[in-house]
Amino acid sequence: MEEWVGERWHRWITRMADRSPAPQGVSLASVQQPVALLFRAAGGAGGVRVVPAALAGIGGPRDWLQRLAGSGRRAPVSRLDGETLALPPQIAVFDDAALNRDLYLWLAALAAVHVPGDGWLPAN
């Protein structure tokens, strides 16, 4: 009984602490081909595959509900190496699905023209 209650509590508190507007979120799988096409068209390397990013530890403030649920410690972090362009598996930053889709395209365009060694500010 204790495990059942703990399982239900964990599921409930984790859902309450989730801050993403999921109904308007866009998955990488749904835009993977246009993202790859834009990446190559904008000058990105032809052999680079677009893949979902893995979770990594992040910092930053968490509200009390996230601390109680133990969430908000890890997030998918985008990266570009010689073989892959890793983007978040889902983007739900905006309340509009079209804007979330455009954000994927923006990230692909930035990655295509990225020059290693430049600082973040001049590159943007």
Protein backbone atom coordinates (compact mmCIF):
# COMPACT_ATOMS: atom_id res chain seq x y z
CA MET A 1 0.00 0.00 0.00
CA GLU A 2 2.82 2.39 0.87
CA GLU A 3 4.46 1.88 -2.53
CA TRP A 4 1.16 2.45 -4.32
CA VAL A 5 0.58 5.75 -2.47
CA GLY A 6 4.20 6.83 -3.08
CA GLU A 7 3.93 6.04 -6.77
CA ARG A 8 0.71 8.07 -7.12
CA TRP A 9 2.20 10.96 -5.13
CA HIS A 10 5.32 11.05 -7.29
CA ARG A 11 3.30 11.00 -10.51
CA TRP A 12 0.98 13.77 -9.28
CA ILE A 13 3.68 16.08 -7.90
CA THR A 14 5.85 15.68 -11.00
CA ARG A 15 2.93 16.66 -13.25
CA MET A 16 2.19 19.67 -11.05
CA ALA A 17 5.83 20.81 -11.20
CA ASP A 18 6.04 20.51 -15.00
CA ARG A 19 6.26 24.03 -16.45
CA SER A 20 6.08 23.30 -20.16
CA PRO A 21 2.96 24.21 -22.15
CA ALA A 22 2.87 20.69 -23.64
CA PRO A 23 -0.32 21.04 -25.74
CA GLN A 24 1.48 23.52 -28.02
CA GLY A 25 4.78 21.66 -27.99
CA VAL A 26 6.39 20.44 -31.20
CA SER A 27 8.38 17.21 -31.36
CA LEU A 28 11.67 16.93 -33.19
CA ALA A 29 10.35 13.87 -35.05
CA SER A 30 7.62 16.00 -36.66
CA VAL A 31 10.11 18.58 -38.03
CA GLN A 32 13.26 16.49 -38.44
CA GLN A 33 13.30 16.54 -42.25
CA PRO A 34 12.72 20.30 -42.67
CA VAL A 35 15.32 21.00 -39.96
CA ALA A 36 17.91 18.79 -41.68
CA LEU A 37 17.11 20.37 -45.06
CA LEU A 38 17.48 23.91 -43.71
CA PHE A 39 20.71 22.98 -41.91
CA ARG A 40 22.27 21.73 -45.16
CA ALA A 41 20.83 24.55 -47.30
CA ALA A 42 22.25 27.17 -44.93
CA GLY A 43 25.75 25.73 -45.27
CA GLY A 44 25.87 22.95 -42.69
CA ALA A 45 27.89 19.82 -43.41
CA GLY A 46 26.09 17.23 -45.54
CA GLY A 47 26.92 14.21 -43.38
CA VAL A 48 25.55 15.64 -40.12
CA ARG A 49 22.48 13.81 -38.77
CA VAL A 50 19.76 15.56 -36.75
CA VAL A 51 19.14 13.59 -33.56
CA PRO A 52 17.33 14.14 -30.22
CA ALA A 53 19.55 15.65 -27.52
CA ALA A 54 20.33 13.70 -24.36
CA LEU A 55 19.51 15.00 -20.89
CA ALA A 56 22.28 16.86 -19.08
CA GLY A 57 22.55 18.48 -15.68
CA ILE A 58 21.57 22.14 -15.66
CA GLY A 59 21.65 24.89 -13.07
CA GLY A 60 19.37 27.80 -12.45
CA PRO A 61 16.51 28.60 -10.13
CA ARG A 62 13.75 26.11 -9.40
CA ASP A 63 10.49 26.94 -7.68
CA TRP A 64 9.40 25.20 -4.48
CA LEU A 65 7.18 22.74 -6.34
CA GLN A 66 10.06 21.63 -8.58
CA ARG A 67 12.29 21.21 -5.54
CA LEU A 68 9.60 19.14 -3.80
CA ALA A 69 9.16 16.95 -6.90
CA GLY A 70 12.91 16.68 -7.49
CA SER A 71 12.49 17.94 -11.05
CA GLY A 72 14.09 20.74 -13.05
CA ARG A 73 17.64 19.43 -12.59
CA ARG A 74 18.15 17.97 -16.07
CA ALA A 75 17.20 19.15 -19.55
CA PRO A 76 18.09 18.25 -23.12
CA VAL A 77 21.06 20.35 -24.20
CA SER A 78 21.64 21.06 -27.90
CA ARG A 79 25.08 20.41 -29.37
CA LEU A 80 26.82 20.18 -32.71
CA ASP A 81 29.76 17.90 -33.38
CA GLY A 82 31.22 16.51 -36.59
CA GLU A 83 28.53 13.84 -37.00
CA THR A 84 25.37 15.02 -35.26
CA LEU A 85 23.25 18.06 -34.56
CA ALA A 86 21.46 17.26 -31.30
CA LEU A 87 18.30 19.28 -30.67
CA PRO A 88 15.72 18.93 -27.86
CA PRO A 89 13.24 16.07 -28.44
CA GLN A 90 10.39 18.52 -27.84
CA ILE A 91 10.17 22.30 -27.76
CA ALA A 92 7.29 23.87 -25.86
CA VAL A 93 8.65 27.34 -25.12
CA PHE A 94 5.83 29.33 -26.72
CA ASP A 95 2.04 29.09 -26.48
CA ASP A 96 1.89 28.81 -30.29
CA ALA A 97 2.95 25.60 -32.07
CA ALA A 98 4.08 27.57 -35.14
CA LEU A 99 6.53 29.57 -33.02
CA ASN A 100 7.90 26.37 -31.45
CA ARG A 101 8.39 24.93 -34.95
CA ASP A 102 10.14 28.13 -36.04
CA LEU A 103 12.45 27.83 -33.05
CA TYR A 104 13.64 24.45 -34.33
CA LEU A 105 14.38 26.07 -37.70
CA TRP A 106 16.18 28.96 -36.01
CA LEU A 107 18.39 26.55 -34.05
CA ALA A 108 19.23 24.67 -37.26
CA ALA A 109 20.13 27.92 -39.06
CA LEU A 110 22.35 29.01 -36.17
CA ALA A 111 24.09 25.64 -36.14
CA ALA A 112 24.69 25.77 -39.90
CA VAL A 113 26.65 29.03 -39.70
CA HIS A 114 28.36 28.34 -36.37
CA VAL A 115 32.12 28.86 -36.40
CA PRO A 116 33.89 27.02 -33.56
CA GLY A 117 36.05 29.30 -31.45
CA ASP A 118 33.98 32.45 -31.80
CA GLY A 119 32.28 33.67 -28.68
CA TRP A 120 28.56 33.19 -28.21
CA LEU A 121 27.69 36.87 -28.65
CA PRO A 122 29.53 37.51 -31.96
CA ALA A 123 28.19 34.24 -33.38
CA ASN A 124 24.61 35.35 -32.79
